[in-house]
Amino acid sequence: TSTKISDDEFQHIEKIQKEITDLEVPAFIRRQQQ
């Protein structure tokens, strides 16, 4: 079996990671400012 991730899967993973970062970073900054 191939361990290479297809381009579609890779873009999907990147999109999810970006969305998670966009959610987590502002929450982290708000906690630091309190």
PDB file of N, CA and C in Angstrom:
ATOM      1  N   THR A   1       0.849  -1.202   0.000  1.00  0.00           N
ATOM      2  CA  THR A   1       0.000   0.000   0.000  1.00  0.00           C
ATOM      3  C   THR A   1       0.881   1.247   0.000  1.00  0.00           C
ATOM      4  N   SER A   2       0.393   2.290  -0.629  1.00  0.00           N
ATOM      5  CA  SER A   2       1.171   3.528  -0.727  1.00  0.00           C
ATOM      6  C   SER A   2       0.905   4.388   0.487  1.00  0.00           C
ATOM      7  N   THR A   3       1.973   4.951   1.037  1.00  0.00           N
ATOM      8  CA  THR A   3       1.811   5.844   2.192  1.00  0.00           C
ATOM      9  C   THR A   3       1.722   7.298   1.743  1.00  0.00           C
ATOM     10  N   LYS A   4       1.821   7.536   0.438  1.00  0.00           N
ATOM     11  CA  LYS A   4       1.771   8.907  -0.066  1.00  0.00           C
ATOM     12  C   LYS A   4       0.337   9.431   0.032  1.00  0.00           C
ATOM     13  N   ILE A   5       0.188  10.610   0.571  1.00  0.00           N
ATOM     14  CA  ILE A   5      -1.132  11.226   0.687  1.00  0.00           C
ATOM     15  C   ILE A   5      -1.445  11.929  -0.632  1.00  0.00           C
ATOM     16  N   SER A   6      -2.647  11.757  -1.114  1.00  0.00           N
ATOM     17  CA  SER A   6      -3.023  12.421  -2.357  1.00  0.00           C
ATOM     18  C   SER A   6      -3.102  13.930  -2.141  1.00  0.00           C
ATOM     19  N   ASP A   7      -3.020  14.686  -3.240  1.00  0.00           N
ATOM     20  CA  ASP A   7      -3.061  16.144  -3.131  1.00  0.00           C
ATOM     21  C   ASP A   7      -4.375  16.604  -2.507  1.00  0.00           C
ATOM     22  N   ASP A   8      -5.468  15.963  -2.860  1.00  0.00           N
ATOM     23  CA  ASP A   8      -6.766  16.363  -2.309  1.00  0.00           C
ATOM     24  C   ASP A   8      -6.797  16.155  -0.798  1.00  0.00           C
ATOM     25  N   GLU A   9      -6.274  15.018  -0.364  1.00  0.00           N
ATOM     26  CA  GLU A   9      -6.251  14.747   1.079  1.00  0.00           C
ATOM     27  C   GLU A   9      -5.356  15.747   1.794  1.00  0.00           C
ATOM     28  N   PHE A  10      -4.212  16.057   1.173  1.00  0.00           N
ATOM     29  CA  PHE A  10      -3.261  16.975   1.797  1.00  0.00           C
ATOM     30  C   PHE A  10      -3.877  18.361   1.922  1.00  0.00           C
ATOM     31  N   GLN A  11      -4.546  18.828   0.879  1.00  0.00           N
ATOM     32  CA  GLN A  11      -5.186  20.145   0.929  1.00  0.00           C
ATOM     33  C   GLN A  11      -6.303  20.157   1.977  1.00  0.00           C
ATOM     34  N   HIS A  12      -7.015  19.044   2.084  1.00  0.00           N
ATOM     35  CA  HIS A  12      -8.085  18.949   3.076  1.00  0.00           C
ATOM     36  C   HIS A  12      -7.508  19.023   4.483  1.00  0.00           C
ATOM     37  N   ILE A  13      -6.394  18.331   4.720  1.00  0.00           N
ATOM     38  CA  ILE A  13      -5.744  18.359   6.032  1.00  0.00           C
ATOM     39  C   ILE A  13      -5.259  19.772   6.334  1.00  0.00           C
ATOM     40  N   GLU A  14      -4.633  20.417   5.351  1.00  0.00           N
ATOM     41  CA  GLU A  14      -4.145  21.784   5.563  1.00  0.00           C
ATOM     42  C   GLU A  14      -5.293  22.726   5.889  1.00  0.00           C
ATOM     43  N   LYS A  15      -6.414  22.553   5.206  1.00  0.00           N
ATOM     44  CA  LYS A  15      -7.570  23.417   5.437  1.00  0.00           C
ATOM     45  C   LYS A  15      -8.082  23.251   6.873  1.00  0.00           C
ATOM     46  N   ILE A  16      -8.165  22.002   7.340  1.00  0.00           N
ATOM     47  CA  ILE A  16      -8.619  21.738   8.706  1.00  0.00           C
ATOM     48  C   ILE A  16      -7.637  22.337   9.714  1.00  0.00           C
ATOM     49  N   GLN A  17      -6.339  22.144   9.468  1.00  0.00           N
ATOM     50  CA  GLN A  17      -5.343  22.688  10.391  1.00  0.00           C
ATOM     51  C   GLN A  17      -5.430  24.197  10.457  1.00  0.00           C
ATOM     52  N   LYS A  18      -5.668  24.853   9.324  1.00  0.00           N
ATOM     53  CA  LYS A  18      -5.772  26.307   9.312  1.00  0.00           C
ATOM     54  C   LYS A  18      -7.006  26.750  10.097  1.00  0.00           C
ATOM     55  N   GLU A  19      -8.124  26.028   9.906  1.00  0.00           N
ATOM     56  CA  GLU A  19      -9.350  26.382  10.622  1.00  0.00           C
ATOM     57  C   GLU A  19      -9.156  26.208  12.126  1.00  0.00           C
ATOM     58  N   ILE A  20      -8.490  25.140  12.535  1.00  0.00           N
ATOM     59  CA  ILE A  20      -8.223  24.918  13.955  1.00  0.00           C
ATOM     60  C   ILE A  20      -7.357  26.042  14.503  1.00  0.00           C
ATOM     61  N   THR A  21      -6.317  26.407  13.748  1.00  0.00           N
ATOM     62  CA  THR A  21      -5.428  27.487  14.191  1.00  0.00           C
ATOM     63  C   THR A  21      -6.203  28.783  14.318  1.00  0.00           C
ATOM     64  N   ASP A  22      -7.057  29.086  13.344  1.00  0.00           N
ATOM     65  CA  ASP A  22      -7.825  30.324  13.363  1.00  0.00           C
ATOM     66  C   ASP A  22      -8.756  30.371  14.575  1.00  0.00           C
ATOM     67  N   LEU A  23      -9.194  29.207  15.049  1.00  0.00           N
ATOM     68  CA  LEU A  23     -10.056  29.172  16.229  1.00  0.00           C
ATOM     69  C   LEU A  23      -9.248  29.239  17.518  1.00  0.00           C
ATOM     70  N   GLU A  24      -8.136  28.503  17.551  1.00  0.00           N
ATOM     71  CA  GLU A  24      -7.383  28.376  18.799  1.00  0.00           C
ATOM     72  C   GLU A  24      -6.558  29.617  19.117  1.00  0.00           C
ATOM     73  N   VAL A  25      -5.963  30.241  18.103  1.00  0.00           N
ATOM     74  CA  VAL A  25      -5.063  31.369  18.366  1.00  0.00           C
ATOM     75  C   VAL A  25      -5.795  32.541  19.017  1.00  0.00           C
ATOM     76  N   PRO A  26      -6.927  33.000  18.488  1.00  0.00           N
ATOM     77  CA  PRO A  26      -7.615  34.114  19.167  1.00  0.00           C
ATOM     78  C   PRO A  26      -8.032  33.765  20.595  1.00  0.00           C
ATOM     79  N   ALA A  27      -8.451  32.537  20.824  1.00  0.00           N
ATOM     80  CA  ALA A  27      -8.832  32.130  22.178  1.00  0.00           C
ATOM     81  C   ALA A  27      -7.616  32.167  23.094  1.00  0.00           C
ATOM     82  N   PHE A  28      -6.464  31.736  22.580  1.00  0.00           N
ATOM     83  CA  PHE A  28      -5.227  31.745  23.365  1.00  0.00           C
ATOM     84  C   PHE A  28      -4.832  33.190  23.689  1.00  0.00           C
ATOM     85  N   ILE A  29      -4.938  34.068  22.708  1.00  0.00           N
ATOM     86  CA  ILE A  29      -4.575  35.474  22.930  1.00  0.00           C
ATOM     87  C   ILE A  29      -5.516  36.097  23.964  1.00  0.00           C
ATOM     88  N   ARG A  30      -6.800  35.797  23.862  1.00  0.00           N
ATOM     89  CA  ARG A  30      -7.753  36.363  24.828  1.00  0.00           C
ATOM     90  C   ARG A  30      -7.428  35.900  26.243  1.00  0.00           C
ATOM     91  N   ARG A  31      -7.060  34.621  26.395  1.00  0.00           N
ATOM     92  CA  ARG A  31      -6.705  34.133  27.733  1.00  0.00           C
ATOM     93  C   ARG A  31      -5.485  34.875  28.258  1.00  0.00           C
ATOM     94  N   GLN A  32      -4.516  35.155  27.387  1.00  0.00           N
ATOM     95  CA  GLN A  32      -3.300  35.824  27.824  1.00  0.00           C
ATOM     96  C   GLN A  32      -3.590  37.260  28.240  1.00  0.00           C
ATOM     97  N   GLN A  33      -4.605  37.884  27.660  1.00  0.00           N
ATOM     98  CA  GLN A  33      -4.880  39.292  27.925  1.00  0.00           C
ATOM     99  C   GLN A  33      -5.730  39.481  29.180  1.00  0.00           C
ATOM    100  N   GLN A  34      -6.367  38.425  29.636  1.00  0.00           N
ATOM    101  CA  GLN A  34      -7.234  38.563  30.817  1.00  0.00           C
ATOM    102  C   GLN A  34      -6.417  38.789  32.084  1.00  0.00           C
TER     103      GLN A  34
END
